[in-house]
Amino acid sequence: MHTNAVAPGAGSDEILVVLTSLPDRDSAQKLARLLVEQRLAACVNVLDGCTSVYRWQDAIETVREVPVMIKTRRERFPGLQDAILAAHPYDVPEIVALTVHDGLPAYLGWVLAETT
């Protein structure tokens, strides 16, 4: 990202960081590319794998997953969620949206510009 543009009136509460995780790097990278291509996300970080421990259908599961951090604008969340659900192999994928309260104005403006 090489911009210093700041969107006029861009409030940081318009920006979300959405978290999900996928079973492997390939599916995580495919989802990341899809979201950016469709302007549902300005940036998607595909992180190194992690171990997740959770209860599913009365059993405790321990699996390797690839966490993904998605930066978007609040108004794009419904479409982003639909795209994740359509591409995700899990029955009930993690989709958690966190509001950004502060950030570098130039970066926040860039997120807004890229998700318009």
N, C-alpha and C. Protein backbone atom coordinates (compact mmCIF):
# COMPACT_ATOMS: atom_id res chain seq x y z
N MET A 1 0.85 -1.17 0.00
CA MET A 1 0.00 0.00 0.00
C MET A 1 0.89 1.23 0.00
N HIS A 2 0.72 2.08 -0.99
CA HIS A 2 1.53 3.29 -1.10
C HIS A 2 0.64 4.50 -1.34
N THR A 3 -0.15 4.84 -0.34
CA THR A 3 -1.03 5.99 -0.48
C THR A 3 -1.03 6.78 0.82
N ASN A 4 -1.20 8.07 0.70
CA ASN A 4 -1.35 8.91 1.88
C ASN A 4 -2.74 9.50 1.94
N ALA A 5 -3.63 9.03 1.06
CA ALA A 5 -4.98 9.57 1.00
C ALA A 5 -5.77 9.20 2.24
N VAL A 6 -6.52 10.15 2.70
CA VAL A 6 -7.42 9.92 3.83
C VAL A 6 -8.82 10.25 3.35
N ALA A 7 -9.72 9.33 3.52
CA ALA A 7 -11.10 9.58 3.11
C ALA A 7 -11.71 10.65 3.99
N PRO A 8 -12.30 11.69 3.38
CA PRO A 8 -12.94 12.73 4.17
C PRO A 8 -14.05 12.16 5.04
N GLY A 9 -14.07 12.51 6.30
CA GLY A 9 -15.10 12.06 7.21
C GLY A 9 -15.03 10.58 7.57
N ALA A 10 -13.88 9.98 7.28
CA ALA A 10 -13.74 8.54 7.54
C ALA A 10 -13.59 8.30 9.03
N GLY A 11 -14.61 7.76 9.63
CA GLY A 11 -14.53 7.40 11.04
C GLY A 11 -13.98 6.00 11.18
N SER A 12 -13.13 5.79 12.17
CA SER A 12 -12.53 4.48 12.33
C SER A 12 -13.58 3.42 12.65
N ASP A 13 -14.74 3.81 13.21
CA ASP A 13 -15.76 2.82 13.53
C ASP A 13 -16.46 2.28 12.29
N GLU A 14 -16.12 2.82 11.12
CA GLU A 14 -16.63 2.29 9.86
C GLU A 14 -15.83 1.07 9.40
N ILE A 15 -14.69 0.82 10.04
CA ILE A 15 -13.78 -0.24 9.64
C ILE A 15 -13.95 -1.44 10.57
N LEU A 16 -13.95 -2.64 9.97
CA LEU A 16 -14.01 -3.88 10.73
C LEU A 16 -12.78 -4.73 10.43
N VAL A 17 -12.36 -5.49 11.43
CA VAL A 17 -11.41 -6.58 11.23
C VAL A 17 -12.23 -7.84 11.46
N VAL A 18 -12.30 -8.68 10.44
CA VAL A 18 -13.11 -9.89 10.50
C VAL A 18 -12.16 -11.08 10.60
N LEU A 19 -12.44 -11.96 11.55
CA LEU A 19 -11.61 -13.13 11.77
C LEU A 19 -12.33 -14.39 11.31
N THR A 20 -11.59 -15.27 10.66
CA THR A 20 -12.07 -16.60 10.34
C THR A 20 -10.85 -17.50 10.30
N SER A 21 -11.08 -18.78 10.19
CA SER A 21 -9.97 -19.72 10.04
C SER A 21 -10.41 -20.82 9.09
N LEU A 22 -9.45 -21.33 8.35
CA LEU A 22 -9.73 -22.36 7.35
C LEU A 22 -8.85 -23.58 7.62
N PRO A 23 -9.20 -24.71 7.02
CA PRO A 23 -8.48 -25.94 7.34
C PRO A 23 -7.08 -26.04 6.73
N ASP A 24 -6.80 -25.23 5.71
CA ASP A 24 -5.48 -25.32 5.08
C ASP A 24 -5.13 -23.99 4.39
N ARG A 25 -3.85 -23.85 4.07
CA ARG A 25 -3.33 -22.62 3.49
C ARG A 25 -3.94 -22.34 2.11
N ASP A 26 -4.11 -23.37 1.32
CA ASP A 26 -4.64 -23.20 -0.03
C ASP A 26 -6.04 -22.59 0.01
N SER A 27 -6.93 -23.14 0.84
CA SER A 27 -8.29 -22.59 0.91
C SER A 27 -8.28 -21.19 1.51
N ALA A 28 -7.37 -20.91 2.43
CA ALA A 28 -7.27 -19.56 3.01
C ALA A 28 -6.82 -18.55 1.96
N GLN A 29 -5.84 -18.92 1.14
CA GLN A 29 -5.36 -18.01 0.11
C GLN A 29 -6.40 -17.79 -0.99
N LYS A 30 -7.13 -18.83 -1.33
CA LYS A 30 -8.21 -18.68 -2.33
C LYS A 30 -9.28 -17.73 -1.82
N LEU A 31 -9.67 -17.89 -0.55
CA LEU A 31 -10.66 -16.99 0.03
C LEU A 31 -10.14 -15.56 0.06
N ALA A 32 -8.90 -15.38 0.47
CA ALA A 32 -8.30 -14.03 0.53
C ALA A 32 -8.35 -13.35 -0.83
N ARG A 33 -7.94 -14.06 -1.86
CA ARG A 33 -7.93 -13.47 -3.21
C ARG A 33 -9.35 -13.12 -3.66
N LEU A 34 -10.30 -14.02 -3.41
CA LEU A 34 -11.69 -13.79 -3.79
C LEU A 34 -12.24 -12.52 -3.13
N LEU A 35 -11.99 -12.37 -1.84
CA LEU A 35 -12.52 -11.22 -1.10
C LEU A 35 -11.93 -9.90 -1.59
N VAL A 36 -10.63 -9.90 -1.90
CA VAL A 36 -10.00 -8.68 -2.39
C VAL A 36 -10.45 -8.39 -3.82
N GLU A 37 -10.53 -9.43 -4.67
CA GLU A 37 -10.99 -9.22 -6.04
C GLU A 37 -12.38 -8.63 -6.09
N GLN A 38 -13.25 -9.06 -5.19
CA GLN A 38 -14.63 -8.57 -5.16
C GLN A 38 -14.81 -7.28 -4.37
N ARG A 39 -13.69 -6.72 -3.89
CA ARG A 39 -13.69 -5.49 -3.10
C ARG A 39 -14.51 -5.62 -1.82
N LEU A 40 -14.64 -6.84 -1.34
CA LEU A 40 -15.27 -7.07 -0.05
C LEU A 40 -14.27 -6.84 1.07
N ALA A 41 -12.99 -6.86 0.72
CA ALA A 41 -11.91 -6.62 1.68
C ALA A 41 -10.83 -5.79 1.00
N ALA A 42 -10.21 -4.91 1.78
CA ALA A 42 -9.07 -4.15 1.29
C ALA A 42 -7.80 -4.99 1.39
N CYS A 43 -7.72 -5.78 2.46
CA CYS A 43 -6.53 -6.57 2.74
C CYS A 43 -6.95 -7.80 3.53
N VAL A 44 -6.32 -8.92 3.22
CA VAL A 44 -6.56 -10.15 3.98
C VAL A 44 -5.20 -10.71 4.36
N ASN A 45 -4.98 -10.90 5.64
CA ASN A 45 -3.76 -11.53 6.12
C ASN A 45 -4.02 -13.01 6.34
N VAL A 46 -3.27 -13.84 5.63
CA VAL A 46 -3.31 -15.28 5.83
C VAL A 46 -2.14 -15.59 6.76
N LEU A 47 -2.45 -15.98 7.97
CA LEU A 47 -1.43 -16.17 9.00
C LEU A 47 -0.87 -17.59 8.97
N ASP A 48 0.21 -17.80 9.71
CA ASP A 48 0.74 -19.15 9.85
C ASP A 48 -0.28 -19.99 10.59
N GLY A 49 -0.18 -21.28 10.43
CA GLY A 49 -1.12 -22.19 11.05
C GLY A 49 -1.13 -22.11 12.56
N CYS A 50 -2.21 -22.59 13.15
CA CYS A 50 -2.36 -22.63 14.60
C CYS A 50 -3.08 -23.93 14.97
N THR A 51 -3.10 -24.23 16.23
CA THR A 51 -3.87 -25.35 16.73
C THR A 51 -5.11 -24.81 17.42
N SER A 52 -6.27 -25.28 16.99
CA SER A 52 -7.53 -24.86 17.59
C SER A 52 -8.11 -26.02 18.40
N VAL A 53 -8.59 -25.70 19.58
CA VAL A 53 -9.24 -26.68 20.45
C VAL A 53 -10.65 -26.17 20.71
N TYR A 54 -11.65 -26.99 20.40
CA TYR A 54 -13.03 -26.56 20.57
C TYR A 54 -13.94 -27.78 20.74
N ARG A 55 -15.14 -27.52 21.22
CA ARG A 55 -16.14 -28.58 21.36
C ARG A 55 -17.06 -28.51 20.14
N TRP A 56 -17.26 -29.65 19.49
CA TRP A 56 -18.17 -29.73 18.35
C TRP A 56 -18.92 -31.05 18.42
N GLN A 57 -20.24 -30.97 18.45
CA GLN A 57 -21.11 -32.13 18.51
C GLN A 57 -20.71 -33.07 19.66
N ASP A 58 -20.57 -32.47 20.84
CA ASP A 58 -20.27 -33.18 22.09
C ASP A 58 -18.90 -33.85 22.14
N ALA A 59 -18.00 -33.46 21.26
CA ALA A 59 -16.63 -34.00 21.30
C ALA A 59 -15.65 -32.83 21.31
N ILE A 60 -14.55 -33.00 22.02
CA ILE A 60 -13.50 -31.98 22.01
C ILE A 60 -12.57 -32.29 20.84
N GLU A 61 -12.44 -31.32 19.97
CA GLU A 61 -11.63 -31.45 18.76
C GLU A 61 -10.34 -30.65 18.92
N THR A 62 -9.27 -31.16 18.36
CA THR A 62 -7.99 -30.45 18.27
C THR A 62 -7.54 -30.57 16.83
N VAL A 63 -7.48 -29.43 16.12
CA VAL A 63 -7.16 -29.44 14.70
C VAL A 63 -6.18 -28.31 14.35
N ARG A 64 -5.46 -28.49 13.26
CA ARG A 64 -4.62 -27.43 12.70
C ARG A 64 -5.50 -26.59 11.79
N GLU A 65 -5.38 -25.27 11.90
CA GLU A 65 -6.13 -24.36 11.06
C GLU A 65 -5.23 -23.20 10.63
N VAL A 66 -5.71 -22.46 9.64
CA VAL A 66 -5.01 -21.27 9.16
C VAL A 66 -5.89 -20.06 9.47
N PRO A 67 -5.48 -19.22 10.44
CA PRO A 67 -6.26 -18.02 10.76
C PRO A 67 -6.15 -16.97 9.65
N VAL A 68 -7.23 -16.23 9.47
CA VAL A 68 -7.29 -15.19 8.45
C VAL A 68 -7.86 -13.92 9.09
N MET A 69 -7.20 -12.78 8.83
CA MET A 69 -7.67 -11.46 9.30
C MET A 69 -8.05 -10.62 8.08
N ILE A 70 -9.26 -10.15 8.07
CA ILE A 70 -9.82 -9.44 6.92
C ILE A 70 -10.14 -8.01 7.33
N LYS A 71 -9.66 -7.04 6.55
CA LYS A 71 -9.97 -5.63 6.81
C LYS A 71 -10.99 -5.15 5.79
N THR A 72 -12.10 -4.59 6.30
CA THR A 72 -13.18 -4.16 5.42
C THR A 72 -13.93 -2.99 6.04
N ARG A 73 -14.91 -2.51 5.33
CA ARG A 73 -15.80 -1.47 5.87
C ARG A 73 -17.08 -2.14 6.36
N ARG A 74 -17.68 -1.54 7.35
CA ARG A 74 -18.87 -2.10 7.99
C ARG A 74 -19.97 -2.44 6.98
N GLU A 75 -20.24 -1.56 6.04
CA GLU A 75 -21.34 -1.78 5.10
C GLU A 75 -21.09 -2.96 4.16
N ARG A 76 -19.86 -3.42 4.04
CA ARG A 76 -19.54 -4.57 3.17
C ARG A 76 -19.66 -5.90 3.92
N PHE A 77 -19.90 -5.85 5.24
CA PHE A 77 -19.92 -7.08 6.03
C PHE A 77 -20.95 -8.11 5.56
N PRO A 78 -22.19 -7.74 5.27
CA PRO A 78 -23.14 -8.77 4.84
C PRO A 78 -22.66 -9.55 3.59
N GLY A 79 -22.14 -8.85 2.60
CA GLY A 79 -21.62 -9.51 1.40
C GLY A 79 -20.38 -10.34 1.70
N LEU A 80 -19.53 -9.81 2.58
CA LEU A 80 -18.33 -10.54 3.00
C LEU A 80 -18.72 -11.83 3.69
N GLN A 81 -19.67 -11.75 4.61
CA GLN A 81 -20.12 -12.95 5.32
C GLN A 81 -20.70 -13.98 4.35
N ASP A 82 -21.50 -13.53 3.39
CA ASP A 82 -22.07 -14.44 2.40
C ASP A 82 -20.96 -15.12 1.59
N ALA A 83 -19.94 -14.35 1.20
CA ALA A 83 -18.83 -14.92 0.42
C ALA A 83 -18.05 -15.95 1.23
N ILE A 84 -17.82 -15.66 2.51
CA ILE A 84 -17.12 -16.62 3.37
C ILE A 84 -17.95 -17.90 3.48
N LEU A 85 -19.24 -17.76 3.75
CA LEU A 85 -20.11 -18.94 3.89
C LEU A 85 -20.14 -19.78 2.61
N ALA A 86 -20.16 -19.13 1.46
CA ALA A 86 -20.20 -19.85 0.18
C ALA A 86 -18.91 -20.61 -0.10
N ALA A 87 -17.77 -20.05 0.34
CA ALA A 87 -16.47 -20.65 0.02
C ALA A 87 -15.92 -21.55 1.12
N HIS A 88 -16.52 -21.50 2.30
CA HIS A 88 -15.95 -22.17 3.47
C HIS A 88 -16.39 -23.63 3.56
N PRO A 89 -15.47 -24.54 3.86
CA PRO A 89 -15.84 -25.95 3.94
C PRO A 89 -16.52 -26.36 5.26
N TYR A 90 -16.48 -25.53 6.30
CA TYR A 90 -17.07 -25.90 7.58
C TYR A 90 -18.58 -25.65 7.59
N ASP A 91 -19.30 -26.45 8.37
CA ASP A 91 -20.75 -26.24 8.54
C ASP A 91 -21.03 -24.91 9.23
N VAL A 92 -20.24 -24.61 10.27
CA VAL A 92 -20.40 -23.38 11.03
C VAL A 92 -19.02 -22.72 11.17
N PRO A 93 -18.63 -21.94 10.17
CA PRO A 93 -17.30 -21.31 10.25
C PRO A 93 -17.28 -20.16 11.25
N GLU A 94 -16.10 -19.95 11.80
CA GLU A 94 -15.88 -18.75 12.63
C GLU A 94 -15.98 -17.53 11.72
N ILE A 95 -16.86 -16.61 12.06
CA ILE A 95 -16.91 -15.30 11.41
C ILE A 95 -17.18 -14.31 12.53
N VAL A 96 -16.14 -13.59 12.94
CA VAL A 96 -16.23 -12.66 14.05
C VAL A 96 -15.74 -11.30 13.55
N ALA A 97 -16.57 -10.28 13.71
CA ALA A 97 -16.22 -8.93 13.27
C ALA A 97 -15.92 -8.05 14.47
N LEU A 98 -14.76 -7.41 14.44
CA LEU A 98 -14.34 -6.50 15.50
C LEU A 98 -14.28 -5.08 14.94
N THR A 99 -14.85 -4.13 15.66
CA THR A 99 -14.82 -2.74 15.23
C THR A 99 -13.45 -2.13 15.54
N VAL A 100 -12.93 -1.39 14.58
CA VAL A 100 -11.67 -0.67 14.77
C VAL A 100 -12.00 0.68 15.40
N HIS A 101 -11.43 0.96 16.56
CA HIS A 101 -11.72 2.23 17.23
C HIS A 101 -10.71 3.30 16.91
N ASP A 102 -9.50 2.92 16.60
CA ASP A 102 -8.45 3.87 16.25
C ASP A 102 -7.53 3.23 15.23
N GLY A 103 -6.82 4.06 14.50
CA GLY A 103 -5.86 3.57 13.52
C GLY A 103 -5.25 4.74 12.77
N LEU A 104 -4.22 4.44 12.01
CA LEU A 104 -3.58 5.45 11.18
C LEU A 104 -4.59 5.97 10.16
N PRO A 105 -4.90 7.26 10.17
CA PRO A 105 -5.92 7.78 9.26
C PRO A 105 -5.68 7.42 7.79
N ALA A 106 -4.45 7.45 7.34
CA ALA A 106 -4.16 7.11 5.95
C ALA A 106 -4.51 5.66 5.65
N TYR A 107 -4.24 4.77 6.60
CA TYR A 107 -4.57 3.35 6.40
C TYR A 107 -6.08 3.15 6.40
N LEU A 108 -6.77 3.77 7.35
CA LEU A 108 -8.22 3.64 7.41
C LEU A 108 -8.87 4.18 6.14
N GLY A 109 -8.36 5.29 5.64
CA GLY A 109 -8.86 5.85 4.39
C GLY A 109 -8.63 4.91 3.22
N TRP A 110 -7.47 4.24 3.23
CA TRP A 110 -7.16 3.28 2.17
C TRP A 110 -8.15 2.09 2.23
N VAL A 111 -8.44 1.58 3.42
CA VAL A 111 -9.39 0.48 3.56
C VAL A 111 -10.75 0.89 2.99
N LEU A 112 -11.20 2.09 3.33
CA LEU A 112 -12.48 2.57 2.82
C LEU A 112 -12.46 2.71 1.30
N ALA A 113 -11.38 3.25 0.76
CA ALA A 113 -11.27 3.44 -0.68
C ALA A 113 -11.27 2.12 -1.43
N GLU A 114 -10.59 1.11 -0.88
CA GLU A 114 -10.46 -0.18 -1.56
C GLU A 114 -11.70 -1.06 -1.44
N THR A 115 -12.63 -0.69 -0.58
CA THR A 115 -13.84 -1.49 -0.41
C THR A 115 -15.08 -0.74 -0.87
N THR A 116 -14.87 0.21 -1.76
CA THR A 116 -15.97 0.99 -2.32
C THR A 116 -16.42 0.39 -3.62
